[in-house]
Structures are given as C-alpha cells and as structure tokens.
C-alpha atoms as a PDB file:
ATOM      1  CA  MET A   1      17.924  54.201  -1.860  1.00  0.00           C
ATOM      2  CA  LYS A   2      16.635  53.693   1.642  1.00  0.00           C
ATOM      3  CA  VAL A   3      14.994  50.314   2.373  1.00  0.00           C
ATOM      4  CA  SER A   4      12.537  50.164   5.213  1.00  0.00           C
ATOM      5  CA  CYS A   5      11.631  47.185   7.370  1.00  0.00           C
ATOM      6  CA  TYR A   6       8.270  47.209   5.606  1.00  0.00           C
ATOM      7  CA  HIS A   7       9.925  46.649   2.203  1.00  0.00           C
ATOM      8  CA  VAL A   8      12.088  43.825   3.542  1.00  0.00           C
ATOM      9  CA  ALA A   9       9.084  42.128   5.206  1.00  0.00           C
ATOM     10  CA  ALA A  10       7.039  42.485   2.013  1.00  0.00           C
ATOM     11  CA  CYS A  11       9.818  40.935  -0.102  1.00  0.00           C
ATOM     12  CA  VAL A  12      10.341  38.066   2.338  1.00  0.00           C
ATOM     13  CA  GLY A  13       6.587  37.414   2.493  1.00  0.00           C
ATOM     14  CA  LEU A  14       6.311  37.419  -1.298  1.00  0.00           C
ATOM     15  CA  SER A  15       9.286  35.048  -1.606  1.00  0.00           C
ATOM     16  CA  ILE A  16       7.754  32.606   0.869  1.00  0.00           C
ATOM     17  CA  ALA A  17       4.411  32.704  -0.950  1.00  0.00           C
ATOM     18  CA  VAL A  18       6.056  32.067  -4.314  1.00  0.00           C
ATOM     19  CA  PHE A  19       8.230  29.196  -3.101  1.00  0.00           C
ATOM     20  CA  THR A  20       5.571  27.429  -1.024  1.00  0.00           C
ATOM     21  CA  GLY A  21       3.013  27.764  -3.808  1.00  0.00           C
ATOM     22  CA  CYS A  22       5.317  26.098  -6.306  1.00  0.00           C
ATOM     23  CA  ASN A  23       6.326  23.300  -3.972  1.00  0.00           C
ATOM     24  CA  ASP A  24       3.172  22.195  -2.216  1.00  0.00           C
ATOM     25  CA  LYS A  25       4.346  18.643  -1.543  1.00  0.00           C
ATOM     26  CA  PRO A  26       3.030  17.196   1.702  1.00  0.00           C
ATOM     27  CA  ALA A  27       5.526  17.732   4.527  1.00  0.00           C
ATOM     28  CA  GLY A  28       7.368  14.670   5.761  1.00  0.00           C
ATOM     29  CA  ILE A  29       6.618  12.496   2.699  1.00  0.00           C
ATOM     30  CA  GLU A  30       9.454  11.437   0.399  1.00  0.00           C
ATOM     31  CA  PHE A  31       8.710  10.685  -3.248  1.00  0.00           C
ATOM     32  CA  GLY A  32      10.401   8.797  -6.056  1.00  0.00           C
ATOM     33  CA  LYS A  33       9.700   9.415  -9.739  1.00  0.00           C
ATOM     34  CA  VAL A  34       8.239   6.234 -11.252  1.00  0.00           C
ATOM     35  CA  THR A  35       7.959   5.275 -14.913  1.00  0.00           C
ATOM     36  CA  GLY A  36       7.843   1.928 -16.624  1.00  0.00           C
ATOM     37  CA  LEU A  37       6.541  -0.343 -19.341  1.00  0.00           C
ATOM     38  CA  VAL A  38       3.499  -2.601 -19.044  1.00  0.00           C
ATOM     39  CA  THR A  39       3.264  -5.495 -21.470  1.00  0.00           C
ATOM     40  CA  LEU A  40       0.659  -8.205 -21.922  1.00  0.00           C
ATOM     41  CA  ASN A  41       1.884 -11.420 -23.536  1.00  0.00           C
ATOM     42  CA  ASP A  42       5.045  -9.562 -24.661  1.00  0.00           C
ATOM     43  CA  GLU A  43       3.041  -6.759 -26.354  1.00  0.00           C
ATOM     44  CA  PRO A  44       2.711  -3.163 -25.024  1.00  0.00           C
ATOM     45  CA  LEU A  45      -0.541  -2.713 -23.073  1.00  0.00           C
ATOM     46  CA  PRO A  46      -2.153   0.636 -24.007  1.00  0.00           C
ATOM     47  CA  GLU A  47      -4.745   2.552 -21.945  1.00  0.00           C
ATOM     48  CA  ALA A  48      -4.224   0.564 -18.742  1.00  0.00           C
ATOM     49  CA  LEU A  49      -4.557   2.232 -15.353  1.00  0.00           C
ATOM     50  CA  VAL A  50      -1.585   1.586 -13.038  1.00  0.00           C
ATOM     51  CA  VAL A  51      -2.123   2.187  -9.306  1.00  0.00           C
ATOM     52  CA  PHE A  52       0.607   2.074  -6.629  1.00  0.00           C
ATOM     53  CA  GLN A  53      -0.926   1.831  -3.137  1.00  0.00           C
ATOM     54  CA  PRO A  54       1.444   2.299  -0.182  1.00  0.00           C
ATOM     55  CA  ALA A  55       0.708   0.581   3.148  1.00  0.00           C
ATOM     56  CA  ALA A  56      -0.552   3.925   4.491  1.00  0.00           C
ATOM     57  CA  GLY A  57      -1.599   7.034   2.640  1.00  0.00           C
ATOM     58  CA  ARG A  58      -2.762   8.026  -0.804  1.00  0.00           C
ATOM     59  CA  PRO A  59      -2.074   5.975  -3.929  1.00  0.00           C
ATOM     60  CA  SER A  60      -0.312   7.183  -7.062  1.00  0.00           C
ATOM     61  CA  PHE A  61      -1.813   6.702 -10.524  1.00  0.00           C
ATOM     62  CA  GLY A  62      -0.703   6.559 -14.130  1.00  0.00           C
ATOM     63  CA  ARG A  63      -2.160   5.470 -17.458  1.00  0.00           C
ATOM     64  CA  THR A  64      -0.167   3.667 -20.121  1.00  0.00           C
ATOM     65  CA  ASN A  65       0.181   5.290 -23.519  1.00  0.00           C
ATOM     66  CA  ALA A  66      -0.021   3.496 -26.897  1.00  0.00           C
ATOM     67  CA  GLU A  67       3.477   2.066 -26.307  1.00  0.00           C
ATOM     68  CA  GLY A  68       2.558   0.724 -22.840  1.00  0.00           C
ATOM     69  CA  VAL A  69       4.625   3.354 -21.001  1.00  0.00           C
ATOM     70  CA  TYR A  70       3.298   4.921 -17.784  1.00  0.00           C
ATOM     71  CA  SER A  71       4.405   7.658 -15.389  1.00  0.00           C
ATOM     72  CA  LEU A  72       2.954   7.983 -11.881  1.00  0.00           C
ATOM     73  CA  SER A  73       1.352  11.075 -10.364  1.00  0.00           C
ATOM     74  CA  TYR A  74       0.479  11.788  -6.740  1.00  0.00           C
ATOM     75  CA  LYS A  75      -2.634  13.941  -6.240  1.00  0.00           C
ATOM     76  CA  GLY A  76      -2.383  14.962  -9.890  1.00  0.00           C
ATOM     77  CA  LYS A  77       1.227  16.148  -9.520  1.00  0.00           C
ATOM     78  CA  ALA A  78       4.187  14.547 -11.294  1.00  0.00           C
ATOM     79  CA  TRP A  79       5.898  13.699  -8.006  1.00  0.00           C
ATOM     80  CA  GLY A  80       5.706   9.944  -8.596  1.00  0.00           C
ATOM     81  CA  ALA A  81       4.946   7.730  -5.611  1.00  0.00           C
ATOM     82  CA  VAL A  82       5.673   7.622  -1.898  1.00  0.00           C
ATOM     83  CA  VAL A  83       9.011   5.933  -1.150  1.00  0.00           C
ATOM     84  CA  GLY A  84       8.526   2.395   0.164  1.00  0.00           C
ATOM     85  CA  ASP A  85       6.623  -0.795  -0.605  1.00  0.00           C
ATOM     86  CA  HIS A  86       3.409  -0.749  -2.641  1.00  0.00           C
ATOM     87  CA  GLU A  87       0.638  -3.058  -3.736  1.00  0.00           C
ATOM     88  CA  VAL A  88       0.216  -2.534  -7.470  1.00  0.00           C
ATOM     89  CA  LYS A  89      -3.004  -2.881  -9.436  1.00  0.00           C
ATOM     90  CA  ILE A  90      -3.275  -2.712 -13.212  1.00  0.00           C
ATOM     91  CA  THR A  91      -6.660  -2.611 -14.936  1.00  0.00           C
ATOM     92  CA  THR A  92      -7.938  -2.129 -18.462  1.00  0.00           C
ATOM     93  CA  GLU A  93     -11.549  -1.560 -17.412  1.00  0.00           C
ATOM     94  CA  ASN A  94     -12.598   1.975 -18.253  1.00  0.00           C
ATOM     95  CA  ARG A  95     -15.629   4.139 -18.938  1.00  0.00           C
ATOM     96  CA  PHE A  96     -15.641   6.899 -21.540  1.00  0.00           C
ATOM     97  CA  GLU A  97     -18.432   9.455 -21.847  1.00  0.00           C
ATOM     98  CA  ASN A  98     -18.851  11.792 -24.802  1.00  0.00           C
ATOM     99  CA  GLN A  99     -19.615  15.173 -23.208  1.00  0.00           C
ATOM    100  CA  GLU A 100     -21.461  16.408 -26.303  1.00  0.00           C
ATOM    101  CA  THR A 101     -23.697  13.404 -27.000  1.00  0.00           C
ATOM    102  CA  GLY A 102     -23.814  11.748 -23.575  1.00  0.00           C
ATOM    103  CA  GLU A 103     -22.870   8.449 -25.229  1.00  0.00           C
ATOM    104  CA  VAL A 104     -21.078   6.089 -22.859  1.00  0.00           C
ATOM    105  CA  ARG A 105     -18.565   3.475 -23.966  1.00  0.00           C
ATOM    106  CA  VAL A 106     -17.361   0.860 -21.500  1.00  0.00           C
ATOM    107  CA  VAL A 107     -14.125  -1.060 -21.997  1.00  0.00           C
ATOM    108  CA  LYS A 108     -14.315  -4.426 -20.247  1.00  0.00           C
ATOM    109  CA  GLU A 109     -11.478  -5.846 -18.193  1.00  0.00           C
ATOM    110  CA  MET A 110      -9.111  -7.992 -20.228  1.00  0.00           C
ATOM    111  CA  LEU A 111      -6.662  -8.852 -17.447  1.00  0.00           C
ATOM    112  CA  PRO A 112      -6.913 -11.674 -14.909  1.00  0.00           C
ATOM    113  CA  ALA A 113      -7.965 -10.657 -11.371  1.00  0.00           C
ATOM    114  CA  GLN A 114      -4.426 -11.394 -10.100  1.00  0.00           C
ATOM    115  CA  TYR A 115      -3.411  -8.034 -11.613  1.00  0.00           C
ATOM    116  CA  HIS A 116      -6.226  -5.883 -10.166  1.00  0.00           C
ATOM    117  CA  ALA A 117      -9.074  -7.161  -7.926  1.00  0.00           C
ATOM    118  CA  ARG A 118      -6.878  -9.814  -6.237  1.00  0.00           C
ATOM    119  CA  SER A 119      -3.537  -8.310  -7.160  1.00  0.00           C
ATOM    120  CA  THR A 120      -0.341 -10.202  -6.487  1.00  0.00           C
ATOM    121  CA  LEU A 121       1.781  -7.378  -7.922  1.00  0.00           C
ATOM    122  CA  THR A 122       4.120  -5.405  -5.668  1.00  0.00           C
ATOM    123  CA  ALA A 123       6.832  -2.793  -6.137  1.00  0.00           C
ATOM    124  CA  THR A 124       9.328  -0.893  -4.024  1.00  0.00           C
ATOM    125  CA  VAL A 125       9.832   2.806  -4.770  1.00  0.00           C
ATOM    126  CA  SER A 126      13.215   4.347  -3.920  1.00  0.00           C
ATOM    127  CA  PRO A 127      14.144   8.040  -3.749  1.00  0.00           C
ATOM    128  CA  GLY A 128      15.109   9.458  -7.155  1.00  0.00           C
ATOM    129  CA  GLU A 129      14.295   7.877 -10.515  1.00  0.00           C
ATOM    130  CA  ASN A 130      12.619   4.439 -10.627  1.00  0.00           C
ATOM    131  CA  THR A 131      11.905   2.311 -13.703  1.00  0.00           C
ATOM    132  CA  ILE A 132       9.428  -0.407 -12.774  1.00  0.00           C
ATOM    133  CA  ASP A 133       8.209  -2.628 -15.620  1.00  0.00           C
ATOM    134  CA  PHE A 134       5.403  -5.189 -15.501  1.00  0.00           C
ATOM    135  CA  ALA A 135       5.334  -8.170 -17.872  1.00  0.00           C
ATOM    136  CA  LEU A 136       1.794  -9.534 -17.574  1.00  0.00           C
ATOM    137  CA  GLU A 137       0.547 -12.844 -18.963  1.00  0.00           C
ATOM    138  CA  ALA A 138      -3.024 -13.808 -19.799  1.00  0.00           C
ATOM    139  CA  LYS A 139      -4.734 -16.463 -21.884  1.00  0.00           C
ATOM    140  CA  LYS A 140      -6.014 -15.137 -25.169  1.00  0.00           C
ATOM    141  CA  ARG A 141      -9.799 -14.897 -25.296  1.00  0.00           C
END
C-alpha cells in the first residue's frame, strides 16, 4: 500500500485535533485535584458551595454532597484548582427555581461571614491529589 504525503498530513491533523480537543486545559496553568470534607459543628455540611479563588485568575468551585464531601472544578472541568495559594469561601445561601412551575425557593445563609463575605479561610493547592478539609464552627440559631 502506497501512502502519500496527503494521507500522512491528514492523519497528523486528525491526531492533533483529537488530542487538543480532549485536553483543552489553559496553557501554562498547573492544576491540582482537590477534594475534601466540610463540617459544621462536627457534622457534615450538605449543599454548601466551596470556592477557591487564586490571587490571579479564575476560581474553582464545588458543592458538598449529603456527606459534606466536595470536589473542585475549573471552568466546569474536573481539573481541580490552580496550584498555589487561595482564598476560600464557603456559603450555604442558594436559590432554587422549579423550571416547570417557576416557583423559587431561597436557602438563607447559615454560616458566619468569616466563612464567605469576610472569609478568613485559606488553602494551598499542590500539584497532584489534594485533600483539604474545613471544620467550621457556628453558634446554633
């Protein structure tokens, strides 16, 4: 079978398209996978939004599940967070809208401002796997 330059160029072009499409991470940015447990008064904190904000660039987000476990995503991808230091904000305030009925349900903030609006939380993300837990304390209402 004779292979022409056209066939080689077509195969190389297709390979580049496949590989760059699957790995569309921003060039020059290193990520670390980040998961962890968020507790409030020693109990898992479900449905909390966890935000890691680096000094420069886009933040990473995750939401805790029923067991208080979160995993961060960057631009909707499971890449984690940018390597380096982050300000961390955790909030329970949320708004849910029923698409069928238009009914809106608002969940009020149950955490002190030191965890979100005036956050004192920080974290450092390293390359590879990171487990970063947050043990939050708040007075019972």
